[in-house]
PDB file of N, CA and C in Angstrom:
ATOM      1  N   MET A   1       1.075  -1.106   0.343  1.00  0.00           N
ATOM      2  CA  MET A   1       0.209   0.233  -0.197  1.00  0.00           C
ATOM      3  C   MET A   1       1.136   1.620   0.474  1.00  0.00           C
ATOM      4  N   GLY A   2       2.081   1.267   0.935  1.00  0.00           N
ATOM      5  CA  GLY A   2       2.981   2.502   0.450  1.00  0.00           C
ATOM      6  C   GLY A   2       3.130   2.843  -0.465  1.00  0.00           C
ATOM      7  N   ASN A   3       3.271   2.290  -1.855  1.00  0.00           N
ATOM      8  CA  ASN A   3       3.934   2.719  -2.903  1.00  0.00           C
ATOM      9  C   ASN A   3       2.618   3.450  -3.759  1.00  0.00           C
ATOM     10  N   LEU A   4       1.256   3.427  -3.504  1.00  0.00           N
ATOM     11  CA  LEU A   4       0.411   3.848  -3.963  1.00  0.00           C
ATOM     12  C   LEU A   4       0.189   5.450  -4.366  1.00  0.00           C
ATOM     13  N   ALA A   5      -0.239   5.819  -5.499  1.00  0.00           N
ATOM     14  CA  ALA A   5      -0.028   7.575  -5.617  1.00  0.00           C
ATOM     15  C   ALA A   5      -1.470   7.854  -6.067  1.00  0.00           C
ATOM     16  N   LEU A   6      -1.923   9.211  -5.994  1.00  0.00           N
ATOM     17  CA  LEU A   6      -3.094   9.824  -6.580  1.00  0.00           C
ATOM     18  C   LEU A   6      -2.483  10.951  -7.553  1.00  0.00           C
ATOM     19  N   LYS A   7      -2.627  11.032  -8.900  1.00  0.00           N
ATOM     20  CA  LYS A   7      -2.393  11.722  -9.808  1.00  0.00           C
ATOM     21  C   LYS A   7      -3.258  12.413 -10.331  1.00  0.00           C
ATOM     22  N   TYR A   8      -3.167  13.432 -11.071  1.00  0.00           N
ATOM     23  CA  TYR A   8      -3.826  14.095 -11.973  1.00  0.00           C
ATOM     24  C   TYR A   8      -3.349  14.917 -13.264  1.00  0.00           C
ATOM     25  N   LYS A   9      -4.150  14.877 -14.311  1.00  0.00           N
ATOM     26  CA  LYS A   9      -3.971  15.490 -15.709  1.00  0.00           C
ATOM     27  C   LYS A   9      -4.839  16.439 -15.999  1.00  0.00           C
ATOM     28  N   ILE A  10      -4.247  17.452 -16.557  1.00  0.00           N
ATOM     29  CA  ILE A  10      -5.237  18.409 -17.390  1.00  0.00           C
ATOM     30  C   ILE A  10      -5.044  18.510 -18.947  1.00  0.00           C
ATOM     31  N   TRP A  11      -5.945  18.844 -19.589  1.00  0.00           N
ATOM     32  CA  TRP A  11      -6.267  18.580 -20.997  1.00  0.00           C
ATOM     33  C   TRP A  11      -6.960  19.566 -21.510  1.00  0.00           C
ATOM     34  N   LEU A  12      -7.116  19.723 -22.712  1.00  0.00           N
ATOM     35  CA  LEU A  12      -8.423  20.399 -23.744  1.00  0.00           C
ATOM     36  C   LEU A  12      -9.044  19.594 -24.617  1.00  0.00           C
ATOM     37  N   GLU A  13      -9.895  19.705 -24.661  1.00  0.00           N
ATOM     38  CA  GLU A  13     -11.009  18.586 -25.353  1.00  0.00           C
ATOM     39  C   GLU A  13     -12.060  19.289 -25.941  1.00  0.00           C
ATOM     40  N   THR A  14     -12.415  18.552 -27.194  1.00  0.00           N
ATOM     41  CA  THR A  14     -13.413  19.365 -28.032  1.00  0.00           C
ATOM     42  C   THR A  14     -14.725  19.162 -27.083  1.00  0.00           C
ATOM     43  N   GLY A  15     -16.102  19.624 -27.597  1.00  0.00           N
ATOM     44  CA  GLY A  15     -17.218  19.366 -27.141  1.00  0.00           C
ATOM     45  C   GLY A  15     -17.815  17.804 -27.222  1.00  0.00           C
ATOM     46  N   ASN A  16     -17.193  17.115 -28.332  1.00  0.00           N
ATOM     47  CA  ASN A  16     -17.605  15.698 -27.879  1.00  0.00           C
ATOM     48  C   ASN A  16     -16.556  14.429 -27.378  1.00  0.00           C
ATOM     49  N   ASN A  17     -15.996  15.809 -26.427  1.00  0.00           N
ATOM     50  CA  ASN A  17     -15.009  15.076 -25.325  1.00  0.00           C
ATOM     51  C   ASN A  17     -13.650  14.392 -25.633  1.00  0.00           C
ATOM     52  N   GLU A  18     -13.438  14.471 -27.362  1.00  0.00           N
ATOM     53  CA  GLU A  18     -12.101  14.042 -27.776  1.00  0.00           C
ATOM     54  C   GLU A  18     -10.826  15.022 -26.791  1.00  0.00           C
ATOM     55  N   GLY A  19      -9.616  14.419 -26.100  1.00  0.00           N
ATOM     56  CA  GLY A  19      -9.195  15.027 -25.882  1.00  0.00           C
ATOM     57  C   GLY A  19      -7.863  15.605 -27.191  1.00  0.00           C
ATOM     58  N   ILE A  20      -7.619  16.803 -27.369  1.00  0.00           N
ATOM     59  CA  ILE A  20      -6.895  17.326 -28.228  1.00  0.00           C
ATOM     60  C   ILE A  20      -5.371  17.608 -27.462  1.00  0.00           C
ATOM     61  N   LEU A  21      -5.269  18.092 -26.114  1.00  0.00           N
ATOM     62  CA  LEU A  21      -3.915  18.213 -25.869  1.00  0.00           C
ATOM     63  C   LEU A  21      -3.792  18.611 -24.392  1.00  0.00           C
ATOM     64  N   GLY A  22      -2.365  18.030 -23.754  1.00  0.00           N
ATOM     65  CA  GLY A  22      -2.245  18.003 -22.455  1.00  0.00           C
ATOM     66  C   GLY A  22      -1.390  18.366 -22.022  1.00  0.00           C
ATOM     67  N   ASP A  23      -0.548  17.412 -21.269  1.00  0.00           N
ATOM     68  CA  ASP A  23       0.163  18.064 -20.321  1.00  0.00           C
ATOM     69  C   ASP A  23       2.011  17.143 -21.440  1.00  0.00           C
ATOM     70  N   GLY A  24       1.338  16.021 -21.988  1.00  0.00           N
ATOM     71  CA  GLY A  24       2.166  15.427 -22.734  1.00  0.00           C
ATOM     72  C   GLY A  24       2.618  16.140 -24.041  1.00  0.00           C
ATOM     73  N   LYS A  25       1.727  16.545 -24.554  1.00  0.00           N
ATOM     74  CA  LYS A  25       1.743  17.049 -26.239  1.00  0.00           C
ATOM     75  C   LYS A  25       2.410  18.602 -25.497  1.00  0.00           C
ATOM     76  N   LEU A  26       2.295  18.907 -24.648  1.00  0.00           N
ATOM     77  CA  LEU A  26       2.686  20.455 -24.162  1.00  0.00           C
ATOM     78  C   LEU A  26       4.158  20.013 -23.867  1.00  0.00           C
ATOM     79  N   LYS A  27       4.455  19.168 -23.574  1.00  0.00           N
ATOM     80  CA  LYS A  27       6.049  18.959 -23.239  1.00  0.00           C
ATOM     81  C   LYS A  27       6.524  19.166 -24.732  1.00  0.00           C
ATOM     82  N   LEU A  28       6.149  17.973 -25.611  1.00  0.00           N
ATOM     83  CA  LEU A  28       6.872  18.334 -26.972  1.00  0.00           C
ATOM     84  C   LEU A  28       6.819  19.682 -27.597  1.00  0.00           C
ATOM     85  N   LEU A  29       5.498  20.467 -27.512  1.00  0.00           N
ATOM     86  CA  LEU A  29       5.812  21.881 -27.716  1.00  0.00           C
ATOM     87  C   LEU A  29       6.398  22.478 -26.934  1.00  0.00           C
ATOM     88  N   LYS A  30       6.968  22.460 -25.945  1.00  0.00           N
ATOM     89  CA  LYS A  30       7.942  23.131 -25.104  1.00  0.00           C
ATOM     90  C   LYS A  30       9.531  22.782 -25.409  1.00  0.00           C
ATOM     91  N   THR A  31       9.431  21.451 -26.204  1.00  0.00           N
ATOM     92  CA  THR A  31      11.164  21.510 -26.904  1.00  0.00           C
ATOM     93  C   THR A  31      11.312  21.853 -28.063  1.00  0.00           C
ATOM     94  N   ILE A  32      10.132  21.706 -28.330  1.00  0.00           N
ATOM     95  CA  ILE A  32      10.036  22.675 -30.088  1.00  0.00           C
ATOM     96  C   ILE A  32      10.297  23.944 -29.700  1.00  0.00           C
ATOM     97  N   SER A  33       9.637  25.024 -28.611  1.00  0.00           N
ATOM     98  CA  SER A  33      10.208  26.431 -28.699  1.00  0.00           C
ATOM     99  C   SER A  33      11.244  26.476 -28.337  1.00  0.00           C
ATOM    100  N   GLU A  34      11.951  25.547 -27.320  1.00  0.00           N
ATOM    101  CA  GLU A  34      13.476  25.478 -26.815  1.00  0.00           C
ATOM    102  C   GLU A  34      14.424  25.379 -27.758  1.00  0.00           C
ATOM    103  N   THR A  35      14.205  24.427 -28.678  1.00  0.00           N
ATOM    104  CA  THR A  35      15.273  24.062 -29.648  1.00  0.00           C
ATOM    105  C   THR A  35      15.208  24.750 -30.824  1.00  0.00           C
ATOM    106  N   GLY A  36      13.794  24.757 -31.199  1.00  0.00           N
ATOM    107  CA  GLY A  36      13.786  25.127 -32.503  1.00  0.00           C
ATOM    108  C   GLY A  36      13.776  23.876 -33.461  1.00  0.00           C
ATOM    109  N   SER A  37      13.120  22.961 -32.825  1.00  0.00           N
ATOM    110  CA  SER A  37      13.446  21.845 -33.926  1.00  0.00           C
ATOM    111  C   SER A  37      12.436  20.905 -33.353  1.00  0.00           C
ATOM    112  N   LEU A  38      11.882  20.343 -34.435  1.00  0.00           N
ATOM    113  CA  LEU A  38      10.819  19.114 -34.557  1.00  0.00           C
ATOM    114  C   LEU A  38      11.326  17.847 -34.441  1.00  0.00           C
ATOM    115  N   LYS A  39      12.486  17.800 -35.367  1.00  0.00           N
ATOM    116  CA  LYS A  39      13.243  16.812 -35.399  1.00  0.00           C
ATOM    117  C   LYS A  39      14.114  16.212 -33.982  1.00  0.00           C
ATOM    118  N   VAL A  40      14.785  17.631 -33.244  1.00  0.00           N
ATOM    119  CA  VAL A  40      15.161  17.197 -32.140  1.00  0.00           C
ATOM    120  C   VAL A  40      14.194  16.964 -30.787  1.00  0.00           C
ATOM    121  N   ALA A  41      12.764  17.470 -31.178  1.00  0.00           N
ATOM    122  CA  ALA A  41      11.622  17.231 -29.953  1.00  0.00           C
ATOM    123  C   ALA A  41      11.424  15.873 -29.894  1.00  0.00           C
ATOM    124  N   LEU A  42      11.194  15.366 -30.775  1.00  0.00           N
ATOM    125  CA  LEU A  42      11.143  13.629 -31.319  1.00  0.00           C
ATOM    126  C   LEU A  42      11.827  12.732 -30.859  1.00  0.00           C
ATOM    127  N   GLU A  43      13.292  13.494 -30.886  1.00  0.00           N
ATOM    128  CA  GLU A  43      14.274  12.353 -30.725  1.00  0.00           C
ATOM    129  C   GLU A  43      13.913  12.537 -28.815  1.00  0.00           C
ATOM    130  N   GLN A  44      14.053  13.723 -28.464  1.00  0.00           N
ATOM    131  CA  GLN A  44      14.007  13.749 -26.944  1.00  0.00           C
ATOM    132  C   GLN A  44      12.816  12.579 -26.437  1.00  0.00           C
ATOM    133  N   HIS A  45      11.718  13.027 -27.134  1.00  0.00           N
ATOM    134  CA  HIS A  45      10.336  12.321 -26.672  1.00  0.00           C
ATOM    135  C   HIS A  45      10.149  11.341 -27.183  1.00  0.00           C
ATOM    136  N   ASP A  46      10.949  10.332 -27.963  1.00  0.00           N
ATOM    137  CA  ASP A  46      11.186   9.300 -28.529  1.00  0.00           C
ATOM    138  C   ASP A  46      10.063   9.261 -28.704  1.00  0.00           C
ATOM    139  N   LEU A  47       9.341   9.802 -29.975  1.00  0.00           N
ATOM    140  CA  LEU A  47       8.197  10.026 -30.746  1.00  0.00           C
ATOM    141  C   LEU A  47       8.222   9.448 -32.284  1.00  0.00           C
ATOM    142  N   SER A  48       7.249   9.025 -33.019  1.00  0.00           N
ATOM    143  CA  SER A  48       7.285   8.967 -34.327  1.00  0.00           C
ATOM    144  C   SER A  48       6.959  10.178 -34.832  1.00  0.00           C
ATOM    145  N   TYR A  49       7.731  10.200 -36.099  1.00  0.00           N
ATOM    146  CA  TYR A  49       7.283  11.639 -37.015  1.00  0.00           C
ATOM    147  C   TYR A  49       6.063  11.651 -37.512  1.00  0.00           C
ATOM    148  N   ARG A  50       5.478  10.579 -38.048  1.00  0.00           N
ATOM    149  CA  ARG A  50       4.536  10.038 -38.455  1.00  0.00           C
ATOM    150  C   ARG A  50       3.200  10.777 -37.448  1.00  0.00           C
ATOM    151  N   LYS A  51       2.969   9.771 -36.036  1.00  0.00           N
ATOM    152  CA  LYS A  51       1.854   9.945 -35.366  1.00  0.00           C
ATOM    153  C   LYS A  51       1.973  11.256 -34.890  1.00  0.00           C
ATOM    154  N   THR A  52       3.446  11.917 -33.947  1.00  0.00           N
ATOM    155  CA  THR A  52       3.051  13.409 -33.929  1.00  0.00           C
ATOM    156  C   THR A  52       2.906  14.251 -35.238  1.00  0.00           C
ATOM    157  N   TRP A  53       2.904  14.191 -36.329  1.00  0.00           N
ATOM    158  CA  TRP A  53       2.651  15.125 -37.080  1.00  0.00           C
ATOM    159  C   TRP A  53       0.865  14.898 -36.944  1.00  0.00           C
ATOM    160  N   ASP A  54       0.330  13.806 -37.352  1.00  0.00           N
ATOM    161  CA  ASP A  54      -0.698  13.835 -37.240  1.00  0.00           C
ATOM    162  C   ASP A  54      -1.700  14.480 -36.347  1.00  0.00           C
ATOM    163  N   ASN A  55      -1.038  14.326 -35.075  1.00  0.00           N
ATOM    164  CA  ASN A  55      -1.601  14.863 -33.449  1.00  0.00           C
ATOM    165  C   ASN A  55      -1.590  16.302 -33.698  1.00  0.00           C
ATOM    166  N   LEU A  56      -0.234  16.556 -34.478  1.00  0.00           N
ATOM    167  CA  LEU A  56      -0.124  17.858 -34.536  1.00  0.00           C
ATOM    168  C   LEU A  56      -1.493  19.065 -35.585  1.00  0.00           C
ATOM    169  N   ARG A  57      -1.411  17.943 -36.606  1.00  0.00           N
ATOM    170  CA  ARG A  57      -2.368  18.674 -37.367  1.00  0.00           C
ATOM    171  C   ARG A  57      -3.830  18.371 -36.623  1.00  0.00           C
ATOM    172  N   LYS A  58      -4.222  17.431 -35.730  1.00  0.00           N
ATOM    173  CA  LYS A  58      -5.194  16.920 -35.000  1.00  0.00           C
ATOM    174  C   LYS A  58      -5.549  18.751 -34.407  1.00  0.00           C
ATOM    175  N   ILE A  59      -4.719  18.636 -33.090  1.00  0.00           N
ATOM    176  CA  ILE A  59      -4.785  20.020 -32.392  1.00  0.00           C
ATOM    177  C   ILE A  59      -5.258  21.108 -33.415  1.00  0.00           C
ATOM    178  N   GLU A  60      -3.930  21.549 -34.211  1.00  0.00           N
ATOM    179  CA  GLU A  60      -4.394  22.655 -35.157  1.00  0.00           C
ATOM    180  C   GLU A  60      -6.256  23.043 -35.788  1.00  0.00           C
ATOM    181  N   GLU A  61      -6.708  21.692 -36.066  1.00  0.00           N
ATOM    182  CA  GLU A  61      -7.894  21.692 -36.945  1.00  0.00           C
ATOM    183  C   GLU A  61      -8.801  21.776 -35.805  1.00  0.00           C
ATOM    184  N   ALA A  62      -8.588  21.247 -34.660  1.00  0.00           N
ATOM    185  CA  ALA A  62      -9.466  21.564 -33.474  1.00  0.00           C
ATOM    186  C   ALA A  62      -9.244  22.502 -32.923  1.00  0.00           C
ATOM    187  N   LEU A  63      -8.356  23.723 -32.696  1.00  0.00           N
ATOM    188  CA  LEU A  63      -8.298  24.654 -32.022  1.00  0.00           C
ATOM    189  C   LEU A  63      -8.538  25.887 -33.279  1.00  0.00           C
ATOM    190  N   GLY A  64      -8.211  25.739 -34.591  1.00  0.00           N
ATOM    191  CA  GLY A  64      -8.829  26.834 -35.848  1.00  0.00           C
ATOM    192  C   GLY A  64      -7.595  27.342 -35.852  1.00  0.00           C
ATOM    193  N   PHE A  65      -6.466  27.194 -35.676  1.00  0.00           N
ATOM    194  CA  PHE A  65      -5.486  27.853 -35.768  1.00  0.00           C
ATOM    195  C   PHE A  65      -4.040  27.020 -35.774  1.00  0.00           C
ATOM    196  N   SER A  66      -2.839  27.601 -36.447  1.00  0.00           N
ATOM    197  CA  SER A  66      -1.890  27.208 -36.303  1.00  0.00           C
ATOM    198  C   SER A  66      -0.800  27.149 -34.922  1.00  0.00           C
ATOM    199  N   VAL A  67      -0.480  25.954 -34.363  1.00  0.00           N
ATOM    200  CA  VAL A  67       0.588  26.130 -33.027  1.00  0.00           C
ATOM    201  C   VAL A  67       2.016  26.564 -33.317  1.00  0.00           C
ATOM    202  N   ILE A  68       2.464  25.688 -34.671  1.00  0.00           N
ATOM    203  CA  ILE A  68       3.797  25.590 -35.124  1.00  0.00           C
ATOM    204  C   ILE A  68       3.814  26.178 -36.669  1.00  0.00           C
ATOM    205  N   GLU A  69       5.098  26.554 -36.528  1.00  0.00           N
ATOM    206  CA  GLU A  69       5.485  27.152 -37.942  1.00  0.00           C
ATOM    207  C   GLU A  69       6.823  26.383 -38.462  1.00  0.00           C
ATOM    208  N   ARG A  70       6.781  26.150 -39.725  1.00  0.00           N
ATOM    209  CA  ARG A  70       7.941  25.012 -39.969  1.00  0.00           C
ATOM    210  C   ARG A  70       8.408  26.065 -40.988  1.00  0.00           C
ATOM    211  N   GLN A  71       9.593  26.009 -41.457  1.00  0.00           N
ATOM    212  CA  GLN A  71      10.568  26.707 -42.210  1.00  0.00           C
ATOM    213  C   GLN A  71      11.601  25.495 -42.700  1.00  0.00           C
ATOM    214  N   ARG A  72      11.623  25.297 -44.215  1.00  0.00           N
ATOM    215  CA  ARG A  72      12.306  24.070 -44.717  1.00  0.00           C
ATOM    216  C   ARG A  72      13.417  24.396 -45.024  1.00  0.00           C
ATOM    217  N   GLY A  73      14.441  23.576 -45.410  1.00  0.00           N
ATOM    218  CA  GLY A  73      15.895  23.300 -45.721  1.00  0.00           C
ATOM    219  C   GLY A  73      16.663  24.981 -45.581  1.00  0.00           C
ATOM    220  N   GLY A  74      17.692  24.743 -46.963  1.00  0.00           N
ATOM    221  CA  GLY A  74      18.316  25.981 -46.822  1.00  0.00           C
ATOM    222  C   GLY A  74      19.392  25.493 -46.440  1.00  0.00           C
ATOM    223  N   LYS A  75      20.800  26.081 -46.663  1.00  0.00           N
ATOM    224  CA  LYS A  75      22.348  25.771 -46.231  1.00  0.00           C
ATOM    225  C   LYS A  75      22.188  25.661 -44.179  1.00  0.00           C
ATOM    226  N   THR A  76      21.242  26.122 -43.815  1.00  0.00           N
ATOM    227  CA  THR A  76      21.357  26.042 -42.186  1.00  0.00           C
ATOM    228  C   THR A  76      20.359  25.062 -41.821  1.00  0.00           C
ATOM    229  N   GLY A  77      19.601  24.452 -42.950  1.00  0.00           N
ATOM    230  CA  GLY A  77      18.349  23.373 -42.422  1.00  0.00           C
ATOM    231  C   GLY A  77      17.204  24.124 -42.118  1.00  0.00           C
ATOM    232  N   GLY A  78      16.404  23.404 -41.813  1.00  0.00           N
ATOM    233  CA  GLY A  78      14.825  23.963 -41.470  1.00  0.00           C
ATOM    234  C   GLY A  78      14.935  24.431 -39.936  1.00  0.00           C
ATOM    235  N   ASN A  79      13.720  24.580 -39.662  1.00  0.00           N
ATOM    236  CA  ASN A  79      13.602  24.908 -38.221  1.00  0.00           C
ATOM    237  C   ASN A  79      12.077  25.452 -37.997  1.00  0.00           C
ATOM    238  N   THR A  80      11.710  24.896 -36.771  1.00  0.00           N
ATOM    239  CA  THR A  80      10.157  24.955 -36.111  1.00  0.00           C
ATOM    240  C   THR A  80       9.962  26.014 -34.981  1.00  0.00           C
ATOM    241  N   THR A  81       8.993  26.558 -35.010  1.00  0.00           N
ATOM    242  CA  THR A  81       8.872  27.388 -34.063  1.00  0.00           C
ATOM    243  C   THR A  81       7.589  27.138 -33.540  1.00  0.00           C
ATOM    244  N   LEU A  82       7.061  28.000 -32.422  1.00  0.00           N
ATOM    245  CA  LEU A  82       5.880  28.045 -32.422  1.00  0.00           C
ATOM    246  C   LEU A  82       5.050  29.190 -32.455  1.00  0.00           C
ATOM    247  N   THR A  83       3.478  29.131 -32.973  1.00  0.00           N
ATOM    248  CA  THR A  83       3.078  30.588 -33.493  1.00  0.00           C
ATOM    249  C   THR A  83       3.236  31.309 -31.801  1.00  0.00           C
ATOM    250  N   PRO A  84       2.920  32.878 -32.126  1.00  0.00           N
ATOM    251  CA  PRO A  84       2.229  33.257 -30.622  1.00  0.00           C
ATOM    252  C   PRO A  84       1.284  32.729 -29.903  1.00  0.00           C
ATOM    253  N   LYS A  85       0.079  31.986 -30.959  1.00  0.00           N
ATOM    254  CA  LYS A  85      -1.025  31.384 -30.193  1.00  0.00           C
ATOM    255  C   LYS A  85      -0.614  30.346 -29.601  1.00  0.00           C
ATOM    256  N   GLY A  86       0.249  29.451 -30.079  1.00  0.00           N
ATOM    257  CA  GLY A  86       1.023  28.154 -29.349  1.00  0.00           C
ATOM    258  C   GLY A  86       1.778  28.093 -28.631  1.00  0.00           C
ATOM    259  N   GLN A  87       2.476  29.623 -28.469  1.00  0.00           N
ATOM    260  CA  GLN A  87       3.148  30.098 -26.970  1.00  0.00           C
ATOM    261  C   GLN A  87       2.262  30.535 -26.237  1.00  0.00           C
ATOM    262  N   ALA A  88       1.043  31.157 -26.560  1.00  0.00           N
ATOM    263  CA  ALA A  88       0.044  31.472 -25.386  1.00  0.00           C
ATOM    264  C   ALA A  88      -0.756  30.458 -24.697  1.00  0.00           C
ATOM    265  N   ILE A  89      -0.494  29.051 -25.383  1.00  0.00           N
ATOM    266  CA  ILE A  89      -1.422  28.004 -24.706  1.00  0.00           C
ATOM    267  C   ILE A  89      -0.420  27.752 -23.585  1.00  0.00           C
ATOM    268  N   ILE A  90       1.112  27.302 -24.236  1.00  0.00           N
ATOM    269  CA  ILE A  90       1.678  26.800 -23.296  1.00  0.00           C
ATOM    270  C   ILE A  90       2.263  27.448 -21.979  1.00  0.00           C
ATOM    271  N   ASN A  91       2.320  28.753 -22.381  1.00  0.00           N
ATOM    272  CA  ASN A  91       2.232  29.824 -21.022  1.00  0.00           C
ATOM    273  C   ASN A  91       0.827  29.658 -20.024  1.00  0.00           C
ATOM    274  N   ALA A  92      -0.153  29.726 -20.944  1.00  0.00           N
ATOM    275  CA  ALA A  92      -1.451  29.259 -19.858  1.00  0.00           C
ATOM    276  C   ALA A  92      -1.505  28.118 -19.507  1.00  0.00           C
ATOM    277  N   PHE A  93      -0.742  26.760 -19.812  1.00  0.00           N
ATOM    278  CA  PHE A  93      -0.861  25.421 -18.841  1.00  0.00           C
ATOM    279  C   PHE A  93       0.343  26.192 -17.847  1.00  0.00           C
ATOM    280  N   ASP A  94       1.210  26.340 -18.415  1.00  0.00           N
ATOM    281  CA  ASP A  94       2.450  26.398 -17.231  1.00  0.00           C
ATOM    282  C   ASP A  94       2.029  27.325 -16.024  1.00  0.00           C
ATOM    283  N   LYS A  95       1.107  28.540 -16.047  1.00  0.00           N
ATOM    284  CA  LYS A  95       0.521  29.444 -15.025  1.00  0.00           C
ATOM    285  C   LYS A  95      -0.378  28.608 -14.346  1.00  0.00           C
ATOM    286  N   PHE A  96      -1.862  27.819 -15.121  1.00  0.00           N
ATOM    287  CA  PHE A  96      -2.007  27.261 -14.059  1.00  0.00           C
ATOM    288  C   PHE A  96      -1.516  26.152 -13.472  1.00  0.00           C
ATOM    289  N   HIS A  97      -0.277  25.527 -13.626  1.00  0.00           N
ATOM    290  CA  HIS A  97       0.323  24.243 -12.736  1.00  0.00           C
ATOM    291  C   HIS A  97       1.356  25.459 -11.892  1.00  0.00           C
ATOM    292  N   GLU A  98       1.932  26.688 -12.182  1.00  0.00           N
ATOM    293  CA  GLU A  98       2.753  27.318 -11.239  1.00  0.00           C
ATOM    294  C   GLU A  98       1.607  27.677 -10.077  1.00  0.00           C
ATOM    295  N   LYS A  99       0.390  28.036 -10.017  1.00  0.00           N
ATOM    296  CA  LYS A  99      -0.688  28.500  -9.605  1.00  0.00           C
ATOM    297  C   LYS A  99      -1.228  27.182  -8.711  1.00  0.00           C
ATOM    298  N   HIS A 100      -1.766  26.331  -9.363  1.00  0.00           N
ATOM    299  CA  HIS A 100      -2.568  25.299  -8.681  1.00  0.00           C
ATOM    300  C   HIS A 100      -1.926  24.104  -8.194  1.00  0.00           C
ATOM    301  N   ASP A 101      -0.833  23.585  -8.899  1.00  0.00           N
ATOM    302  CA  ASP A 101      -0.286  22.036  -8.161  1.00  0.00           C
ATOM    303  C   ASP A 101       0.289  21.932  -7.151  1.00  0.00           C
ATOM    304  N   ASN A 102       0.549  23.016  -6.455  1.00  0.00           N
ATOM    305  CA  ASN A 102       1.023  22.364  -4.757  1.00  0.00           C
ATOM    306  C   ASN A 102      -0.357  22.298  -4.359  1.00  0.00           C
ATOM    307  N   PHE A 103      -1.549  23.288  -4.407  1.00  0.00           N
ATOM    308  CA  PHE A 103      -2.871  22.793  -3.736  1.00  0.00           C
ATOM    309  C   PHE A 103      -3.284  21.592  -4.595  1.00  0.00           C
ATOM    310  N   LEU A 104      -3.737  21.284  -5.257  1.00  0.00           N
ATOM    311  CA  LEU A 104      -3.858  19.757  -6.076  1.00  0.00           C
ATOM    312  C   LEU A 104      -3.102  18.784  -5.274  1.00  0.00           C
ATOM    313  N   LYS A 105      -1.606  18.732  -5.441  1.00  0.00           N
ATOM    314  CA  LYS A 105      -0.757  17.629  -4.960  1.00  0.00           C
ATOM    315  C   LYS A 105      -1.022  17.509  -3.410  1.00  0.00           C
ATOM    316  N   GLU A 106      -1.389  18.505  -2.775  1.00  0.00           N
ATOM    317  CA  GLU A 106      -1.981  18.522  -1.046  1.00  0.00           C
ATOM    318  C   GLU A 106      -3.496  17.610  -0.965  1.00  0.00           C
ATOM    319  N   ALA A 107      -3.970  18.265  -1.680  1.00  0.00           N
ATOM    320  CA  ALA A 107      -5.367  17.562  -2.000  1.00  0.00           C
ATOM    321  C   ALA A 107      -5.730  16.151  -1.994  1.00  0.00           C
ATOM    322  N   LEU A 108      -4.597  15.801  -3.170  1.00  0.00           N
ATOM    323  CA  LEU A 108      -4.528  14.277  -3.555  1.00  0.00           C
ATOM    324  C   LEU A 108      -3.988  13.567  -2.516  1.00  0.00           C
ATOM    325  N   LYS A 109      -2.820  14.234  -1.489  1.00  0.00           N
ATOM    326  CA  LYS A 109      -2.406  13.528  -0.430  1.00  0.00           C
ATOM    327  C   LYS A 109      -3.615  13.492   0.236  1.00  0.00           C
ATOM    328  N   GLU A 110      -4.057  14.416   0.444  1.00  0.00           N
ATOM    329  CA  GLU A 110      -5.156  13.729   1.543  1.00  0.00           C
ATOM    330  C   GLU A 110      -6.410  12.843   1.288  1.00  0.00           C
ATOM    331  N   THR A 111      -6.656  13.072   0.033  1.00  0.00           N
ATOM    332  CA  THR A 111      -7.576  12.132  -0.407  1.00  0.00           C
ATOM    333  C   THR A 111      -7.097  10.578  -0.060  1.00  0.00           C
ATOM    334  N   LEU A 112      -5.450  10.541  -0.682  1.00  0.00           N
ATOM    335  CA  LEU A 112      -4.848   8.999  -0.592  1.00  0.00           C
ATOM    336  C   LEU A 112      -4.895   8.872   0.998  1.00  0.00           C
ATOM    337  N   ASP A 113      -4.491   9.121   1.570  1.00  0.00           N
ATOM    338  CA  ASP A 113      -4.275   9.473   2.757  1.00  0.00           C
ATOM    339  C   ASP A 113      -5.789   8.652   3.550  1.00  0.00           C
ATOM    340  N   GLU A 114      -6.984   9.329   3.173  1.00  0.00           N
ATOM    341  CA  GLU A 114      -8.111   8.875   3.799  1.00  0.00           C
ATOM    342  C   GLU A 114      -8.405   7.558   3.077  1.00  0.00           C
ATOM    343  N   ILE A 115      -8.136   7.307   1.761  1.00  0.00           N
ATOM    344  CA  ILE A 115      -8.385   5.859   0.835  1.00  0.00           C
ATOM    345  C   ILE A 115      -7.824   5.158   1.839  1.00  0.00           C
ATOM    346  N   LYS A 116      -6.428   5.133   1.975  1.00  0.00           N
ATOM    347  CA  LYS A 116      -5.438   4.258   3.092  1.00  0.00           C
ATOM    348  C   LYS A 116      -5.838   3.854   4.228  1.00  0.00           C
ATOM    349  N   GLU A 117      -6.927   4.720   4.766  1.00  0.00           N
ATOM    350  CA  GLU A 117      -7.256   4.588   6.389  1.00  0.00           C
ATOM    351  C   GLU A 117      -8.411   3.429   6.089  1.00  0.00           C
ATOM    352  N   HIS A 118      -9.306   3.576   5.034  1.00  0.00           N
ATOM    353  CA  HIS A 118     -10.332   2.718   4.705  1.00  0.00           C
ATOM    354  C   HIS A 118     -10.144   1.269   3.936  1.00  0.00           C
ATOM    355  N   ILE A 119      -8.852   0.983   3.395  1.00  0.00           N
ATOM    356  CA  ILE A 119      -9.007  -0.174   2.822  1.00  0.00           C
ATOM    357  C   ILE A 119      -7.629  -1.153   3.590  1.00  0.00           C
TER     358      ILE A 119
END
């Protein structure tokens, strides 16, 4: 029983309850923002190009705007950056976590302690 944990996740979803963007995909977007490279982000998170690209298109389709911008090739190679709206979403999630994580962790700990008392 000592190794039990109670966790939470937050995400954006459509009106049809289809999850489109949560902490996992936000990590990918943050890495793209930090490195300027989709390829590097894929390698760091051990993700496939095809599946990730499909997910990015689904995110953009659901939101109705682009979250990344790609510039192809040339002598120095291409790069990938976040759009201002893409960066704003990351900032909003980060702000949520900064503001609420400590409270939520304490609430989850209290709930887990209560569960452990009764099982």
